[in-house]
């Protein structure tokens, strides 16, 4: 995993993820998920799941948070938090693990994944522990130097 997350940063991440969850657009399932990604610069970007009545057009909260960061010029992340109304912690889906994994290659380090339950429980892991076979830019020999600045 990347550098340890301080209790204050962990609290800020969960609060940003909770904000994302409150802002979720879920007309189909009614199941709101929030996420927040921590850039290596220390900025936290919230995200939420966004559904569409057209099947398959939505976006998960984790990818929304990363997209929010990328739209603001951030490409390197150290942690991501995810929360839902379920009491037990919710894991990112396989598509989100792939997405997070690609950005772990950009950052050149593992990304901590903090999964919070609505009851306050926490499960801590990392993208490499949860999905050890990420296919990404390193596999294609791509130059990522412009994203690492």
N, C-alpha and C. Protein backbone atom coordinates (compact mmCIF):
# COMPACT_ATOMS: atom_id res chain seq x y z
N UNK A 1 0.84 -1.18 0.00
CA UNK A 1 0.00 0.00 0.00
C UNK A 1 0.88 1.24 0.00
N UNK A 2 0.28 2.37 -0.34
CA UNK A 2 1.01 3.62 -0.32
C UNK A 2 1.21 4.06 1.13
N UNK A 3 1.71 5.27 1.31
CA UNK A 3 1.97 5.79 2.65
C UNK A 3 0.73 5.68 3.54
N UNK A 4 0.93 5.45 4.85
CA UNK A 4 -0.22 5.37 5.75
C UNK A 4 -1.06 6.65 5.73
N UNK A 5 -2.35 6.48 5.83
CA UNK A 5 -3.29 7.59 5.85
C UNK A 5 -3.47 8.03 7.30
N UNK A 6 -3.33 9.32 7.57
CA UNK A 6 -3.51 9.82 8.93
C UNK A 6 -4.99 9.76 9.30
N UNK A 7 -5.30 9.70 10.59
CA UNK A 7 -6.71 9.69 11.00
C UNK A 7 -7.47 10.91 10.48
N UNK A 8 -6.83 12.07 10.45
CA UNK A 8 -7.49 13.28 9.95
C UNK A 8 -7.81 13.18 8.47
N UNK A 9 -6.88 12.65 7.70
CA UNK A 9 -7.10 12.48 6.27
C UNK A 9 -8.16 11.41 6.02
N UNK A 10 -8.12 10.35 6.80
CA UNK A 10 -9.14 9.29 6.67
C UNK A 10 -10.53 9.87 6.93
N UNK A 11 -10.65 10.72 7.96
CA UNK A 11 -11.94 11.34 8.28
C UNK A 11 -12.38 12.26 7.14
N UNK A 12 -11.46 13.03 6.58
CA UNK A 12 -11.80 13.92 5.47
C UNK A 12 -12.25 13.12 4.25
N UNK A 13 -11.61 11.99 4.00
CA UNK A 13 -12.00 11.12 2.88
C UNK A 13 -13.41 10.57 3.08
N UNK A 14 -13.72 10.09 4.27
CA UNK A 14 -15.06 9.54 4.50
C UNK A 14 -16.11 10.64 4.42
N UNK A 15 -15.80 11.83 4.89
CA UNK A 15 -16.77 12.93 4.79
C UNK A 15 -17.02 13.32 3.34
N UNK A 16 -15.96 13.35 2.53
CA UNK A 16 -16.13 13.66 1.10
C UNK A 16 -16.91 12.55 0.40
N UNK A 17 -16.65 11.29 0.77
CA UNK A 17 -17.40 10.17 0.19
C UNK A 17 -18.87 10.23 0.60
N UNK A 18 -19.14 10.61 1.85
CA UNK A 18 -20.52 10.77 2.30
C UNK A 18 -21.23 11.88 1.52
N UNK A 19 -20.51 12.97 1.26
CA UNK A 19 -21.07 14.05 0.46
C UNK A 19 -21.43 13.52 -0.93
N UNK A 20 -20.50 12.77 -1.52
CA UNK A 20 -20.79 12.17 -2.83
C UNK A 20 -22.02 11.29 -2.78
N UNK A 21 -22.14 10.48 -1.74
CA UNK A 21 -23.29 9.58 -1.62
C UNK A 21 -24.59 10.38 -1.57
N UNK A 22 -24.58 11.50 -0.86
CA UNK A 22 -25.79 12.33 -0.78
C UNK A 22 -26.15 12.94 -2.13
N UNK A 23 -25.17 13.10 -2.99
CA UNK A 23 -25.40 13.74 -4.29
C UNK A 23 -25.63 12.74 -5.42
N UNK A 24 -25.60 11.46 -5.11
CA UNK A 24 -25.76 10.42 -6.14
C UNK A 24 -27.07 10.59 -6.90
N UNK A 25 -27.05 10.21 -8.15
CA UNK A 25 -28.23 10.22 -9.01
C UNK A 25 -28.57 8.77 -9.31
N UNK A 26 -29.61 8.25 -8.63
CA UNK A 26 -29.92 6.83 -8.71
C UNK A 26 -31.41 6.57 -8.97
N UNK A 27 -31.96 7.06 -10.08
CA UNK A 27 -33.39 6.89 -10.32
C UNK A 27 -33.81 5.45 -10.59
N UNK A 28 -32.87 4.59 -10.95
CA UNK A 28 -33.21 3.21 -11.29
C UNK A 28 -33.14 2.32 -10.05
N UNK A 29 -31.99 2.29 -9.38
CA UNK A 29 -31.81 1.37 -8.25
C UNK A 29 -32.11 1.99 -6.90
N UNK A 30 -31.97 3.29 -6.79
CA UNK A 30 -32.13 3.94 -5.49
C UNK A 30 -30.96 3.64 -4.56
N UNK A 31 -29.89 3.02 -5.05
CA UNK A 31 -28.74 2.63 -4.24
C UNK A 31 -27.60 3.61 -4.46
N UNK A 32 -27.46 4.54 -3.54
CA UNK A 32 -26.44 5.58 -3.65
C UNK A 32 -25.10 5.10 -3.12
N UNK A 33 -24.04 5.45 -3.84
CA UNK A 33 -22.67 5.15 -3.44
C UNK A 33 -21.87 6.43 -3.57
N UNK A 34 -21.02 6.68 -2.58
CA UNK A 34 -20.13 7.83 -2.64
C UNK A 34 -18.69 7.36 -2.60
N UNK A 35 -17.82 8.16 -3.16
CA UNK A 35 -16.39 7.87 -3.14
C UNK A 35 -15.64 9.18 -3.03
N UNK A 36 -14.39 9.07 -2.65
CA UNK A 36 -13.50 10.23 -2.63
C UNK A 36 -12.09 9.73 -2.87
N UNK A 37 -11.36 10.42 -3.74
CA UNK A 37 -10.00 10.03 -4.07
C UNK A 37 -9.05 11.10 -3.53
N UNK A 38 -7.94 10.63 -2.97
CA UNK A 38 -6.90 11.50 -2.41
C UNK A 38 -5.75 11.55 -3.40
N UNK A 39 -5.46 12.74 -3.92
CA UNK A 39 -4.33 12.88 -4.84
C UNK A 39 -3.04 12.96 -4.02
N UNK A 40 -1.91 12.70 -4.68
CA UNK A 40 -0.64 12.78 -3.97
C UNK A 40 -0.34 14.20 -3.54
N UNK A 41 -1.01 15.19 -4.14
CA UNK A 41 -0.84 16.58 -3.72
C UNK A 41 -1.60 16.88 -2.43
N UNK A 42 -2.46 15.93 -2.02
CA UNK A 42 -3.24 16.11 -0.79
C UNK A 42 -4.65 16.60 -1.01
N UNK A 43 -5.06 16.81 -2.24
CA UNK A 43 -6.41 17.27 -2.54
C UNK A 43 -7.35 16.07 -2.59
N UNK A 44 -8.54 16.26 -2.06
CA UNK A 44 -9.57 15.21 -2.05
C UNK A 44 -10.67 15.61 -3.03
N UNK A 45 -11.03 14.65 -3.89
CA UNK A 45 -12.08 14.87 -4.89
C UNK A 45 -13.21 13.88 -4.64
N UNK A 46 -14.44 14.37 -4.41
CA UNK A 46 -15.57 13.47 -4.20
C UNK A 46 -16.14 12.97 -5.52
N UNK A 47 -16.87 11.89 -5.43
CA UNK A 47 -17.58 11.35 -6.58
C UNK A 47 -18.81 10.60 -6.11
N UNK A 48 -19.70 10.31 -7.03
CA UNK A 48 -20.93 9.58 -6.70
C UNK A 48 -21.31 8.71 -7.88
N UNK A 49 -22.14 7.70 -7.62
CA UNK A 49 -22.64 6.93 -8.74
C UNK A 49 -23.73 7.72 -9.44
N UNK A 50 -23.75 7.58 -10.75
CA UNK A 50 -24.70 8.31 -11.58
C UNK A 50 -25.33 7.28 -12.52
N UNK A 51 -26.63 7.07 -12.37
CA UNK A 51 -27.33 6.09 -13.19
C UNK A 51 -28.02 6.77 -14.36
N UNK A 52 -28.39 5.96 -15.31
CA UNK A 52 -29.19 6.40 -16.44
C UNK A 52 -30.31 5.38 -16.63
N UNK A 53 -31.40 5.84 -17.17
CA UNK A 53 -32.47 4.89 -17.47
C UNK A 53 -32.08 3.99 -18.65
N UNK A 54 -31.03 4.36 -19.38
CA UNK A 54 -30.46 3.52 -20.43
C UNK A 54 -29.46 2.58 -19.76
N UNK A 55 -29.70 1.30 -19.79
CA UNK A 55 -28.84 0.32 -19.13
C UNK A 55 -27.39 0.44 -19.59
N UNK A 56 -26.48 0.45 -18.63
CA UNK A 56 -25.06 0.47 -18.93
C UNK A 56 -24.46 1.85 -19.14
N UNK A 57 -25.25 2.90 -19.07
CA UNK A 57 -24.72 4.24 -19.32
C UNK A 57 -24.25 4.95 -18.07
N UNK A 58 -24.44 4.37 -16.91
CA UNK A 58 -24.07 5.04 -15.68
C UNK A 58 -22.58 4.95 -15.39
N UNK A 59 -22.20 5.55 -14.28
CA UNK A 59 -20.81 5.52 -13.84
C UNK A 59 -20.79 5.25 -12.34
N UNK A 60 -19.81 4.47 -11.92
CA UNK A 60 -19.64 4.18 -10.49
C UNK A 60 -19.02 5.37 -9.78
N UNK A 61 -19.21 5.43 -8.48
CA UNK A 61 -18.71 6.54 -7.66
C UNK A 61 -17.19 6.65 -7.71
N UNK A 62 -16.51 5.51 -7.70
CA UNK A 62 -15.04 5.53 -7.70
C UNK A 62 -14.50 6.15 -8.98
N UNK A 63 -15.07 5.75 -10.11
CA UNK A 63 -14.62 6.31 -11.38
C UNK A 63 -15.02 7.77 -11.51
N UNK A 64 -16.16 8.14 -10.95
CA UNK A 64 -16.58 9.55 -10.95
C UNK A 64 -15.59 10.40 -10.17
N UNK A 65 -15.15 9.92 -9.00
CA UNK A 65 -14.18 10.67 -8.19
C UNK A 65 -12.86 10.83 -8.94
N UNK A 66 -12.38 9.75 -9.56
CA UNK A 66 -11.13 9.82 -10.32
C UNK A 66 -11.30 10.77 -11.50
N UNK A 67 -12.42 10.68 -12.21
CA UNK A 67 -12.66 11.57 -13.34
C UNK A 67 -12.68 13.04 -12.89
N UNK A 68 -13.28 13.29 -11.74
CA UNK A 68 -13.32 14.64 -11.16
C UNK A 68 -11.90 15.15 -10.94
N UNK A 69 -11.04 14.30 -10.39
CA UNK A 69 -9.64 14.67 -10.15
C UNK A 69 -8.91 14.92 -11.46
N UNK A 70 -9.08 14.01 -12.42
CA UNK A 70 -8.40 14.16 -13.71
C UNK A 70 -8.85 15.44 -14.40
N UNK A 71 -10.14 15.76 -14.33
CA UNK A 71 -10.64 17.00 -14.93
C UNK A 71 -10.00 18.23 -14.28
N UNK A 72 -9.46 18.06 -13.09
CA UNK A 72 -8.77 19.14 -12.39
C UNK A 72 -7.25 19.02 -12.48
N UNK A 73 -6.77 18.16 -13.38
CA UNK A 73 -5.33 18.05 -13.65
C UNK A 73 -4.56 17.13 -12.73
N UNK A 74 -5.24 16.31 -11.94
CA UNK A 74 -4.58 15.36 -11.04
C UNK A 74 -4.62 13.97 -11.64
N UNK A 75 -3.48 13.27 -11.62
CA UNK A 75 -3.39 11.94 -12.21
C UNK A 75 -2.81 10.91 -11.24
N UNK A 76 -2.24 11.37 -10.13
CA UNK A 76 -1.58 10.46 -9.19
C UNK A 76 -2.35 10.47 -7.87
N UNK A 77 -2.70 9.27 -7.42
CA UNK A 77 -3.53 9.13 -6.23
C UNK A 77 -2.88 8.20 -5.23
N UNK A 78 -3.15 8.45 -3.95
CA UNK A 78 -2.61 7.59 -2.91
C UNK A 78 -3.70 6.75 -2.24
N UNK A 79 -4.95 7.23 -2.28
CA UNK A 79 -6.02 6.49 -1.61
C UNK A 79 -7.36 6.83 -2.23
N UNK A 80 -8.29 5.91 -2.06
CA UNK A 80 -9.68 6.15 -2.46
C UNK A 80 -10.57 5.54 -1.39
N UNK A 81 -11.64 6.25 -1.05
CA UNK A 81 -12.62 5.76 -0.07
C UNK A 81 -13.94 5.54 -0.78
N UNK A 82 -14.69 4.54 -0.32
CA UNK A 82 -16.00 4.25 -0.88
C UNK A 82 -16.95 3.93 0.26
N UNK A 83 -18.21 4.42 0.13
CA UNK A 83 -19.21 4.21 1.17
C UNK A 83 -20.59 4.08 0.53
N UNK A 84 -21.45 3.33 1.19
CA UNK A 84 -22.85 3.23 0.77
C UNK A 84 -23.71 3.16 2.03
N UNK A 85 -25.00 3.00 1.83
CA UNK A 85 -25.91 2.90 2.98
C UNK A 85 -25.91 1.51 3.60
N UNK A 86 -25.22 0.55 2.98
CA UNK A 86 -25.12 -0.79 3.56
C UNK A 86 -24.31 -0.71 4.85
N UNK A 87 -24.67 -1.49 5.84
CA UNK A 87 -23.93 -1.45 7.10
C UNK A 87 -22.51 -1.97 6.94
N UNK A 88 -22.32 -3.02 6.13
CA UNK A 88 -20.98 -3.56 5.92
C UNK A 88 -20.29 -2.82 4.77
N UNK A 89 -18.97 -2.73 4.82
CA UNK A 89 -18.23 -2.04 3.76
C UNK A 89 -18.49 -2.64 2.38
N UNK A 90 -18.56 -1.77 1.39
CA UNK A 90 -18.80 -2.14 0.00
C UNK A 90 -17.48 -2.12 -0.75
N UNK A 91 -17.19 -3.17 -1.50
CA UNK A 91 -15.96 -3.25 -2.30
C UNK A 91 -16.18 -2.61 -3.67
N UNK A 92 -15.14 -2.03 -4.26
CA UNK A 92 -15.26 -1.55 -5.64
C UNK A 92 -15.52 -2.73 -6.58
N UNK A 93 -16.24 -2.47 -7.65
CA UNK A 93 -16.49 -3.52 -8.64
C UNK A 93 -15.21 -3.77 -9.45
N UNK A 94 -15.21 -4.79 -10.25
CA UNK A 94 -14.05 -5.14 -11.06
C UNK A 94 -13.65 -4.03 -12.03
N UNK A 95 -14.64 -3.36 -12.62
CA UNK A 95 -14.33 -2.28 -13.54
C UNK A 95 -13.62 -1.14 -12.81
N UNK A 96 -14.07 -0.84 -11.60
CA UNK A 96 -13.43 0.23 -10.82
C UNK A 96 -12.03 -0.18 -10.37
N UNK A 97 -11.85 -1.45 -10.00
CA UNK A 97 -10.52 -1.91 -9.63
C UNK A 97 -9.55 -1.77 -10.80
N UNK A 98 -10.02 -2.08 -12.01
CA UNK A 98 -9.20 -1.90 -13.21
C UNK A 98 -8.83 -0.43 -13.37
N UNK A 99 -9.80 0.45 -13.21
CA UNK A 99 -9.60 1.90 -13.37
C UNK A 99 -8.60 2.41 -12.33
N UNK A 100 -8.82 2.04 -11.06
CA UNK A 100 -7.91 2.45 -9.98
C UNK A 100 -6.52 1.88 -10.25
N UNK A 101 -6.47 0.63 -10.72
CA UNK A 101 -5.19 -0.01 -11.02
C UNK A 101 -4.40 0.70 -12.09
N UNK A 102 -5.08 1.19 -13.10
CA UNK A 102 -4.37 1.95 -14.14
C UNK A 102 -3.70 3.18 -13.54
N UNK A 103 -4.42 3.86 -12.65
CA UNK A 103 -3.84 5.06 -12.05
C UNK A 103 -2.78 4.72 -11.01
N UNK A 104 -2.79 3.50 -10.48
CA UNK A 104 -1.68 3.11 -9.60
C UNK A 104 -0.40 2.99 -10.42
N UNK A 105 -0.53 2.59 -11.69
CA UNK A 105 0.63 2.55 -12.57
C UNK A 105 1.11 3.97 -12.89
N UNK A 106 0.19 4.90 -13.08
CA UNK A 106 0.57 6.29 -13.31
C UNK A 106 1.34 6.82 -12.09
N UNK A 107 0.82 6.54 -10.90
CA UNK A 107 1.45 7.03 -9.67
C UNK A 107 2.74 6.26 -9.36
N UNK A 108 2.86 5.06 -9.91
CA UNK A 108 4.02 4.24 -9.63
C UNK A 108 4.00 3.66 -8.23
N UNK A 109 2.83 3.54 -7.65
CA UNK A 109 2.68 2.99 -6.30
C UNK A 109 1.30 2.37 -6.16
N UNK A 110 1.14 1.57 -5.13
CA UNK A 110 -0.16 0.98 -4.84
C UNK A 110 -1.10 2.07 -4.32
N UNK A 111 -2.38 1.89 -4.48
CA UNK A 111 -3.38 2.85 -3.98
C UNK A 111 -4.17 2.16 -2.88
N UNK A 112 -4.22 2.80 -1.72
CA UNK A 112 -5.00 2.30 -0.59
C UNK A 112 -6.48 2.43 -0.90
N UNK A 113 -7.25 1.40 -0.58
CA UNK A 113 -8.70 1.43 -0.74
C UNK A 113 -9.33 1.31 0.65
N UNK A 114 -10.08 2.34 1.03
CA UNK A 114 -10.78 2.37 2.31
C UNK A 114 -12.26 2.16 2.03
N UNK A 115 -12.81 1.08 2.56
CA UNK A 115 -14.21 0.74 2.33
C UNK A 115 -14.95 0.90 3.66
N UNK A 116 -15.86 1.88 3.69
CA UNK A 116 -16.59 2.20 4.92
C UNK A 116 -18.00 1.67 4.86
N UNK A 117 -18.46 1.10 5.97
CA UNK A 117 -19.85 0.70 6.11
C UNK A 117 -20.62 1.84 6.75
N UNK A 118 -21.91 1.88 6.53
CA UNK A 118 -22.75 2.93 7.11
C UNK A 118 -22.73 2.89 8.63
N UNK A 119 -22.39 1.72 9.20
CA UNK A 119 -22.32 1.59 10.65
C UNK A 119 -20.98 2.05 11.21
N UNK A 120 -20.11 2.59 10.34
CA UNK A 120 -18.81 3.07 10.79
C UNK A 120 -17.69 2.06 10.65
N UNK A 121 -18.02 0.83 10.24
CA UNK A 121 -16.98 -0.18 10.07
C UNK A 121 -16.08 0.19 8.89
N UNK A 122 -14.86 -0.30 8.94
CA UNK A 122 -13.87 0.01 7.90
C UNK A 122 -13.14 -1.26 7.51
N UNK A 123 -13.00 -1.45 6.21
CA UNK A 123 -12.14 -2.50 5.67
C UNK A 123 -11.09 -1.80 4.82
N UNK A 124 -9.85 -2.08 5.09
CA UNK A 124 -8.73 -1.43 4.40
C UNK A 124 -8.01 -2.47 3.54
N UNK A 125 -7.74 -2.09 2.30
CA UNK A 125 -6.99 -2.96 1.41
C UNK A 125 -6.21 -2.07 0.44
N UNK A 126 -5.83 -2.63 -0.68
CA UNK A 126 -5.17 -1.86 -1.73
C UNK A 126 -5.58 -2.42 -3.07
N UNK A 127 -5.38 -1.64 -4.11
CA UNK A 127 -5.78 -2.10 -5.43
C UNK A 127 -4.98 -3.33 -5.83
N UNK A 128 -3.71 -3.39 -5.49
CA UNK A 128 -2.90 -4.55 -5.87
C UNK A 128 -3.32 -5.80 -5.10
N UNK A 129 -3.73 -5.64 -3.86
CA UNK A 129 -4.18 -6.79 -3.08
C UNK A 129 -5.53 -7.30 -3.60
N UNK A 130 -6.37 -6.38 -4.07
CA UNK A 130 -7.70 -6.76 -4.51
C UNK A 130 -7.74 -7.22 -5.97
N UNK A 131 -6.78 -6.78 -6.75
CA UNK A 131 -6.76 -7.15 -8.17
C UNK A 131 -5.31 -7.12 -8.64
N UNK A 132 -4.64 -8.21 -8.47
CA UNK A 132 -3.20 -8.28 -8.72
C UNK A 132 -2.82 -8.32 -10.20
N UNK A 133 -3.77 -8.50 -11.08
CA UNK A 133 -3.44 -8.65 -12.50
C UNK A 133 -4.04 -7.52 -13.33
N UNK A 134 -3.75 -6.28 -12.96
CA UNK A 134 -4.25 -5.13 -13.69
C UNK A 134 -3.52 -5.00 -15.02
N UNK A 135 -4.27 -4.84 -16.09
CA UNK A 135 -3.70 -4.53 -17.39
C UNK A 135 -3.73 -3.02 -17.52
N UNK A 136 -2.60 -2.42 -17.80
CA UNK A 136 -2.57 -0.97 -17.87
C UNK A 136 -1.50 -0.44 -18.78
N UNK A 137 -1.23 0.85 -18.66
CA UNK A 137 -0.28 1.50 -19.55
C UNK A 137 1.12 0.90 -19.50
N UNK A 138 1.54 0.37 -18.35
CA UNK A 138 2.86 -0.26 -18.27
C UNK A 138 2.96 -1.46 -19.21
N UNK A 139 1.85 -2.19 -19.34
CA UNK A 139 1.83 -3.37 -20.21
C UNK A 139 1.97 -3.00 -21.69
N UNK A 140 1.63 -1.78 -22.02
CA UNK A 140 1.75 -1.31 -23.39
C UNK A 140 3.03 -0.53 -23.64
N UNK A 141 3.83 -0.37 -22.57
CA UNK A 141 5.08 0.37 -22.70
C UNK A 141 4.88 1.86 -22.96
N UNK A 142 3.78 2.39 -22.48
CA UNK A 142 3.46 3.80 -22.72
C UNK A 142 4.28 4.73 -21.83
N UNK A 143 4.59 5.89 -22.33
CA UNK A 143 5.30 6.93 -21.58
C UNK A 143 4.29 7.71 -20.74
N UNK A 144 4.37 7.56 -19.44
CA UNK A 144 3.44 8.24 -18.53
C UNK A 144 4.06 9.46 -17.87
N UNK A 145 5.24 9.85 -18.29
CA UNK A 145 5.98 10.89 -17.59
C UNK A 145 5.20 12.21 -17.48
N UNK A 146 4.43 12.58 -18.46
CA UNK A 146 3.70 13.84 -18.38
C UNK A 146 2.63 13.83 -17.29
N UNK A 147 2.17 12.66 -16.91
CA UNK A 147 1.15 12.55 -15.86
C UNK A 147 1.75 12.43 -14.48
N UNK A 148 3.06 12.26 -14.42
CA UNK A 148 3.74 12.06 -13.14
C UNK A 148 4.37 13.33 -12.61
N UNK A 149 4.24 14.41 -13.32
CA UNK A 149 4.86 15.68 -12.92
C UNK A 149 4.10 16.34 -11.80
